[in-house]
Amino acid sequence: MNITTTIDGTSARIALRGDIDFDTLPPLRAAAQALPAHVTDLMWDLNHTAFMDTAGLHLLFAPVSPDGPDRRTTVTGLRRQPLHLLLLAADLYPATFDLARLLPDTLPTDFQRTAPKRP
């Protein structure tokens, strides 16, 4: 996994190349924890992440550190499988996985939801 952090004022962008799973979660959390306290906006750039398991949900929705600063977290560059996982999690647990705050981008025009609708 390759992780690149870019800071511009109060915004940070963490871009990664590789999958997100429980083996790669610790270095990703460490990258977020290493951000200066003045950073209030964190964007995860997942353009080069083809696969994400439930560790990605922990990364994107759980606080990095309970004692750390409160940051607005967003994600960009979602590919098909990570996007599908986020949509499925939001369908099953909408109160826990609020995609409205996480996804500033619009969904790709060719994306079709394949998750079954809940009754």
N, C-alpha and C. Protein backbone atom coordinates (compact mmCIF):
# COMPACT_ATOMS: atom_id res chain seq x y z
N MET A 1 0.84 -1.17 0.00
CA MET A 1 0.00 0.00 0.00
C MET A 1 0.89 1.23 0.00
N ASN A 2 0.47 2.21 -0.79
CA ASN A 2 1.16 3.49 -0.87
C ASN A 2 0.18 4.57 -0.41
N ILE A 3 0.58 5.38 0.57
CA ILE A 3 -0.27 6.42 1.14
C ILE A 3 0.41 7.77 0.94
N THR A 4 -0.33 8.73 0.37
CA THR A 4 0.18 10.08 0.17
C THR A 4 -0.75 11.06 0.84
N THR A 5 -0.18 11.93 1.66
CA THR A 5 -0.97 12.95 2.36
C THR A 5 -0.60 14.32 1.82
N THR A 6 -1.61 15.10 1.48
CA THR A 6 -1.43 16.47 1.01
C THR A 6 -2.26 17.38 1.90
N ILE A 7 -1.63 18.43 2.41
CA ILE A 7 -2.33 19.38 3.27
C ILE A 7 -2.34 20.74 2.59
N ASP A 8 -3.52 21.36 2.56
CA ASP A 8 -3.69 22.69 2.00
C ASP A 8 -4.55 23.49 2.98
N GLY A 9 -3.91 24.32 3.78
CA GLY A 9 -4.64 25.08 4.79
C GLY A 9 -5.25 24.17 5.83
N THR A 10 -6.58 24.22 5.95
CA THR A 10 -7.28 23.38 6.94
C THR A 10 -7.82 22.09 6.33
N SER A 11 -7.46 21.82 5.08
CA SER A 11 -7.93 20.61 4.38
C SER A 11 -6.77 19.66 4.13
N ALA A 12 -7.07 18.37 4.24
CA ALA A 12 -6.09 17.34 3.94
C ALA A 12 -6.72 16.32 3.01
N ARG A 13 -5.88 15.77 2.14
CA ARG A 13 -6.31 14.71 1.22
C ARG A 13 -5.34 13.54 1.42
N ILE A 14 -5.91 12.39 1.76
CA ILE A 14 -5.10 11.19 1.88
C ILE A 14 -5.46 10.28 0.72
N ALA A 15 -4.50 10.07 -0.15
CA ALA A 15 -4.69 9.21 -1.33
C ALA A 15 -3.94 7.91 -1.09
N LEU A 16 -4.56 6.82 -1.49
CA LEU A 16 -3.91 5.54 -1.31
C LEU A 16 -4.00 4.70 -2.57
N ARG A 17 -3.03 3.83 -2.70
CA ARG A 17 -3.02 2.84 -3.77
C ARG A 17 -3.02 1.48 -3.10
N GLY A 18 -4.11 0.76 -3.29
CA GLY A 18 -4.22 -0.56 -2.68
C GLY A 18 -5.58 -0.75 -2.06
N ASP A 19 -5.80 -1.96 -1.59
CA ASP A 19 -7.08 -2.33 -0.99
C ASP A 19 -7.15 -1.88 0.46
N ILE A 20 -8.38 -1.73 0.95
CA ILE A 20 -8.59 -1.41 2.36
C ILE A 20 -9.16 -2.66 3.03
N ASP A 21 -8.39 -3.20 3.98
CA ASP A 21 -8.83 -4.34 4.77
C ASP A 21 -8.24 -4.19 6.16
N PHE A 22 -8.41 -5.18 7.02
CA PHE A 22 -7.94 -5.02 8.39
C PHE A 22 -6.42 -5.03 8.50
N ASP A 23 -5.70 -5.50 7.49
CA ASP A 23 -4.24 -5.40 7.49
C ASP A 23 -3.77 -4.00 7.15
N THR A 24 -4.51 -3.31 6.30
CA THR A 24 -4.09 -1.96 5.88
C THR A 24 -4.75 -0.86 6.71
N LEU A 25 -5.71 -1.22 7.55
CA LEU A 25 -6.38 -0.22 8.38
C LEU A 25 -5.44 0.52 9.33
N PRO A 26 -4.53 -0.14 10.04
CA PRO A 26 -3.66 0.59 10.97
C PRO A 26 -2.81 1.69 10.31
N PRO A 27 -2.15 1.44 9.18
CA PRO A 27 -1.38 2.54 8.59
C PRO A 27 -2.27 3.68 8.07
N LEU A 28 -3.48 3.36 7.64
CA LEU A 28 -4.39 4.41 7.19
C LEU A 28 -4.85 5.27 8.36
N ARG A 29 -5.18 4.63 9.45
CA ARG A 29 -5.55 5.39 10.67
C ARG A 29 -4.37 6.21 11.16
N ALA A 30 -3.18 5.65 11.08
CA ALA A 30 -1.98 6.39 11.52
C ALA A 30 -1.78 7.64 10.65
N ALA A 31 -2.05 7.54 9.36
CA ALA A 31 -1.92 8.70 8.46
C ALA A 31 -2.91 9.79 8.87
N ALA A 32 -4.12 9.40 9.22
CA ALA A 32 -5.12 10.38 9.66
C ALA A 32 -4.76 10.96 11.02
N GLN A 33 -4.26 10.14 11.92
CA GLN A 33 -3.88 10.61 13.25
C GLN A 33 -2.68 11.56 13.19
N ALA A 34 -1.84 11.41 12.17
CA ALA A 34 -0.65 12.24 12.05
C ALA A 34 -0.96 13.65 11.51
N LEU A 35 -2.20 13.88 11.08
CA LEU A 35 -2.55 15.20 10.56
C LEU A 35 -2.46 16.25 11.68
N PRO A 36 -2.04 17.46 11.32
CA PRO A 36 -2.00 18.53 12.33
C PRO A 36 -3.39 18.83 12.87
N ALA A 37 -3.45 19.34 14.08
CA ALA A 37 -4.72 19.63 14.74
C ALA A 37 -5.55 20.68 14.01
N HIS A 38 -4.91 21.56 13.24
CA HIS A 38 -5.67 22.62 12.55
C HIS A 38 -6.43 22.11 11.33
N VAL A 39 -6.19 20.87 10.92
CA VAL A 39 -6.91 20.29 9.78
C VAL A 39 -8.33 19.95 10.22
N THR A 40 -9.31 20.56 9.55
CA THR A 40 -10.72 20.34 9.90
C THR A 40 -11.47 19.52 8.84
N ASP A 41 -10.90 19.39 7.65
CA ASP A 41 -11.54 18.64 6.56
C ASP A 41 -10.57 17.58 6.06
N LEU A 42 -11.04 16.33 6.05
CA LEU A 42 -10.23 15.22 5.56
C LEU A 42 -10.95 14.54 4.41
N MET A 43 -10.28 14.46 3.27
CA MET A 43 -10.84 13.74 2.12
C MET A 43 -9.98 12.51 1.85
N TRP A 44 -10.65 11.37 1.80
CA TRP A 44 -10.00 10.12 1.42
C TRP A 44 -10.16 9.98 -0.09
N ASP A 45 -9.04 9.87 -0.80
CA ASP A 45 -9.05 9.71 -2.25
C ASP A 45 -8.87 8.23 -2.56
N LEU A 46 -9.96 7.59 -3.04
CA LEU A 46 -9.95 6.15 -3.29
C LEU A 46 -9.93 5.81 -4.78
N ASN A 47 -9.41 6.70 -5.59
CA ASN A 47 -9.33 6.46 -7.04
C ASN A 47 -8.58 5.18 -7.38
N HIS A 48 -7.62 4.80 -6.54
CA HIS A 48 -6.79 3.62 -6.82
C HIS A 48 -7.04 2.50 -5.81
N THR A 49 -8.28 2.44 -5.32
CA THR A 49 -8.67 1.39 -4.37
C THR A 49 -9.81 0.59 -5.01
N ALA A 50 -9.48 -0.60 -5.46
CA ALA A 50 -10.49 -1.43 -6.14
C ALA A 50 -11.32 -2.25 -5.16
N PHE A 51 -10.81 -2.50 -3.97
CA PHE A 51 -11.52 -3.36 -3.02
C PHE A 51 -11.47 -2.76 -1.62
N MET A 52 -12.60 -2.86 -0.93
CA MET A 52 -12.68 -2.41 0.45
C MET A 52 -13.60 -3.37 1.19
N ASP A 53 -13.14 -3.91 2.33
CA ASP A 53 -14.04 -4.74 3.13
C ASP A 53 -14.57 -3.89 4.28
N THR A 54 -15.11 -4.51 5.30
CA THR A 54 -15.73 -3.74 6.39
C THR A 54 -14.74 -2.86 7.13
N ALA A 55 -13.46 -3.10 6.97
CA ALA A 55 -12.46 -2.20 7.56
C ALA A 55 -12.61 -0.80 6.99
N GLY A 56 -13.02 -0.71 5.74
CA GLY A 56 -13.25 0.61 5.14
C GLY A 56 -14.38 1.35 5.83
N LEU A 57 -15.40 0.62 6.27
CA LEU A 57 -16.49 1.26 7.01
C LEU A 57 -15.97 1.82 8.33
N HIS A 58 -15.10 1.07 8.99
CA HIS A 58 -14.49 1.55 10.24
C HIS A 58 -13.65 2.80 9.97
N LEU A 59 -12.90 2.78 8.90
CA LEU A 59 -12.04 3.91 8.56
C LEU A 59 -12.86 5.17 8.29
N LEU A 60 -13.92 5.03 7.52
CA LEU A 60 -14.67 6.20 7.07
C LEU A 60 -15.70 6.70 8.07
N PHE A 61 -16.17 5.83 8.97
CA PHE A 61 -17.26 6.24 9.86
C PHE A 61 -16.89 6.29 11.34
N ALA A 62 -15.85 5.61 11.76
CA ALA A 62 -15.46 5.64 13.17
C ALA A 62 -14.46 6.77 13.39
N PRO A 63 -14.54 7.45 14.52
CA PRO A 63 -13.55 8.50 14.77
C PRO A 63 -12.15 7.91 14.81
N VAL A 64 -11.20 8.65 14.25
CA VAL A 64 -9.82 8.17 14.22
C VAL A 64 -9.29 8.05 15.65
N SER A 65 -9.60 9.05 16.45
CA SER A 65 -9.18 9.04 17.85
C SER A 65 -10.23 9.77 18.66
N PRO A 66 -10.72 9.18 19.73
CA PRO A 66 -11.75 9.87 20.52
C PRO A 66 -11.27 11.19 21.11
N ASP A 67 -9.96 11.33 21.32
CA ASP A 67 -9.40 12.55 21.89
C ASP A 67 -8.94 13.54 20.82
N GLY A 68 -8.96 13.11 19.56
CA GLY A 68 -8.47 13.96 18.48
C GLY A 68 -9.49 14.99 18.04
N PRO A 69 -9.09 15.85 17.11
CA PRO A 69 -10.01 16.87 16.61
C PRO A 69 -11.16 16.26 15.81
N ASP A 70 -12.30 16.95 15.83
CA ASP A 70 -13.46 16.51 15.06
C ASP A 70 -13.28 17.03 13.64
N ARG A 71 -13.21 16.12 12.67
CA ARG A 71 -12.98 16.50 11.28
C ARG A 71 -14.15 16.08 10.41
N ARG A 72 -14.47 16.93 9.46
CA ARG A 72 -15.44 16.58 8.43
C ARG A 72 -14.73 15.62 7.48
N THR A 73 -15.27 14.43 7.33
CA THR A 73 -14.64 13.40 6.49
C THR A 73 -15.48 13.18 5.25
N THR A 74 -14.82 13.21 4.09
CA THR A 74 -15.48 12.92 2.82
C THR A 74 -14.61 11.92 2.05
N VAL A 75 -15.19 11.39 0.99
CA VAL A 75 -14.47 10.43 0.15
C VAL A 75 -14.72 10.78 -1.31
N THR A 76 -13.72 10.55 -2.13
CA THR A 76 -13.84 10.79 -3.56
C THR A 76 -13.20 9.62 -4.31
N GLY A 77 -13.55 9.49 -5.56
CA GLY A 77 -12.95 8.46 -6.42
C GLY A 77 -13.39 7.05 -6.12
N LEU A 78 -14.59 6.89 -5.60
CA LEU A 78 -15.06 5.54 -5.29
C LEU A 78 -15.22 4.70 -6.54
N ARG A 79 -14.63 3.54 -6.53
CA ARG A 79 -14.81 2.59 -7.61
C ARG A 79 -16.00 1.70 -7.27
N ARG A 80 -16.36 0.86 -8.19
CA ARG A 80 -17.61 0.10 -8.10
C ARG A 80 -17.76 -0.71 -6.81
N GLN A 81 -16.80 -1.52 -6.44
CA GLN A 81 -16.97 -2.39 -5.27
C GLN A 81 -17.02 -1.59 -3.97
N PRO A 82 -16.11 -0.64 -3.72
CA PRO A 82 -16.25 0.14 -2.48
C PRO A 82 -17.55 0.93 -2.42
N LEU A 83 -17.98 1.47 -3.55
CA LEU A 83 -19.25 2.20 -3.59
C LEU A 83 -20.41 1.27 -3.27
N HIS A 84 -20.40 0.08 -3.84
CA HIS A 84 -21.45 -0.89 -3.58
C HIS A 84 -21.51 -1.24 -2.08
N LEU A 85 -20.35 -1.43 -1.46
CA LEU A 85 -20.31 -1.74 -0.03
C LEU A 85 -20.91 -0.59 0.78
N LEU A 86 -20.57 0.65 0.46
CA LEU A 86 -21.12 1.79 1.18
C LEU A 86 -22.64 1.88 1.01
N LEU A 87 -23.11 1.67 -0.20
CA LEU A 87 -24.56 1.73 -0.44
C LEU A 87 -25.30 0.61 0.29
N LEU A 88 -24.72 -0.55 0.30
CA LEU A 88 -25.34 -1.67 1.01
C LEU A 88 -25.38 -1.39 2.51
N ALA A 89 -24.29 -0.90 3.07
CA ALA A 89 -24.26 -0.57 4.50
C ALA A 89 -25.29 0.51 4.82
N ALA A 90 -25.41 1.51 3.95
CA ALA A 90 -26.38 2.59 4.18
C ALA A 90 -27.81 2.08 4.06
N ASP A 91 -28.06 1.14 3.15
CA ASP A 91 -29.40 0.55 3.02
C ASP A 91 -29.77 -0.24 4.27
N LEU A 92 -28.81 -0.99 4.81
CA LEU A 92 -29.09 -1.84 5.97
C LEU A 92 -29.12 -1.05 7.28
N TYR A 93 -28.25 -0.06 7.41
CA TYR A 93 -28.13 0.70 8.65
C TYR A 93 -28.02 2.20 8.35
N PRO A 94 -29.08 2.82 7.88
CA PRO A 94 -29.00 4.22 7.46
C PRO A 94 -28.62 5.19 8.57
N ALA A 95 -28.98 4.91 9.79
CA ALA A 95 -28.62 5.82 10.89
C ALA A 95 -27.13 5.77 11.21
N THR A 96 -26.51 4.63 10.98
CA THR A 96 -25.09 4.46 11.27
C THR A 96 -24.22 4.93 10.12
N PHE A 97 -24.63 4.65 8.90
CA PHE A 97 -23.82 4.96 7.72
C PHE A 97 -24.50 6.05 6.90
N ASP A 98 -24.30 7.29 7.31
CA ASP A 98 -24.89 8.45 6.65
C ASP A 98 -24.03 8.87 5.47
N LEU A 99 -24.44 8.47 4.28
CA LEU A 99 -23.64 8.77 3.08
C LEU A 99 -23.75 10.22 2.65
N ALA A 100 -24.77 10.92 3.10
CA ALA A 100 -24.94 12.32 2.69
C ALA A 100 -23.74 13.17 3.10
N ARG A 101 -23.18 12.89 4.25
CA ARG A 101 -22.04 13.68 4.70
C ARG A 101 -20.72 13.18 4.11
N LEU A 102 -20.69 11.94 3.69
CA LEU A 102 -19.45 11.32 3.24
C LEU A 102 -19.18 11.50 1.76
N LEU A 103 -20.24 11.59 0.94
CA LEU A 103 -20.07 11.60 -0.51
C LEU A 103 -20.39 12.97 -1.11
N PRO A 104 -19.37 13.79 -1.32
CA PRO A 104 -19.64 15.08 -1.96
C PRO A 104 -19.87 14.94 -3.46
N ASP A 105 -19.37 13.85 -4.04
CA ASP A 105 -19.50 13.62 -5.47
C ASP A 105 -20.86 13.00 -5.78
N THR A 106 -21.28 13.09 -7.01
CA THR A 106 -22.48 12.39 -7.43
C THR A 106 -22.08 10.99 -7.88
N LEU A 107 -23.03 10.09 -7.86
CA LEU A 107 -22.76 8.72 -8.28
C LEU A 107 -22.47 8.69 -9.78
N PRO A 108 -21.63 7.76 -10.24
CA PRO A 108 -21.40 7.62 -11.67
C PRO A 108 -22.71 7.36 -12.40
N THR A 109 -22.84 7.90 -13.60
CA THR A 109 -24.09 7.76 -14.35
C THR A 109 -24.35 6.31 -14.75
N ASP A 110 -23.30 5.50 -14.87
CA ASP A 110 -23.49 4.10 -15.27
C ASP A 110 -23.68 3.16 -14.09
N PHE A 111 -23.71 3.70 -12.86
CA PHE A 111 -23.86 2.85 -11.69
C PHE A 111 -25.30 2.43 -11.51
N GLN A 112 -25.51 1.13 -11.34
CA GLN A 112 -26.85 0.60 -11.08
C GLN A 112 -26.81 -0.14 -9.76
N ARG A 113 -27.73 0.19 -8.90
CA ARG A 113 -27.79 -0.49 -7.62
C ARG A 113 -28.24 -1.93 -7.83
N THR A 114 -27.49 -2.84 -7.25
CA THR A 114 -27.86 -4.25 -7.35
C THR A 114 -28.32 -4.82 -6.02
N ALA A 115 -28.24 -4.01 -4.97
CA ALA A 115 -28.70 -4.49 -3.66
C ALA A 115 -30.21 -4.58 -3.66
N PRO A 116 -30.76 -5.62 -3.09
CA PRO A 116 -32.22 -5.73 -3.04
C PRO A 116 -32.80 -4.67 -2.12
N LYS A 117 -33.97 -4.21 -2.45
CA LYS A 117 -34.69 -3.25 -1.62
C LYS A 117 -35.22 -3.96 -0.40
N ARG A 118 -35.14 -3.31 0.74
CA ARG A 118 -35.67 -3.88 1.97
C ARG A 118 -37.16 -3.60 2.03
N PRO A 119 -37.94 -4.55 2.54
CA PRO A 119 -39.39 -4.34 2.63
C PRO A 119 -39.76 -3.29 3.66
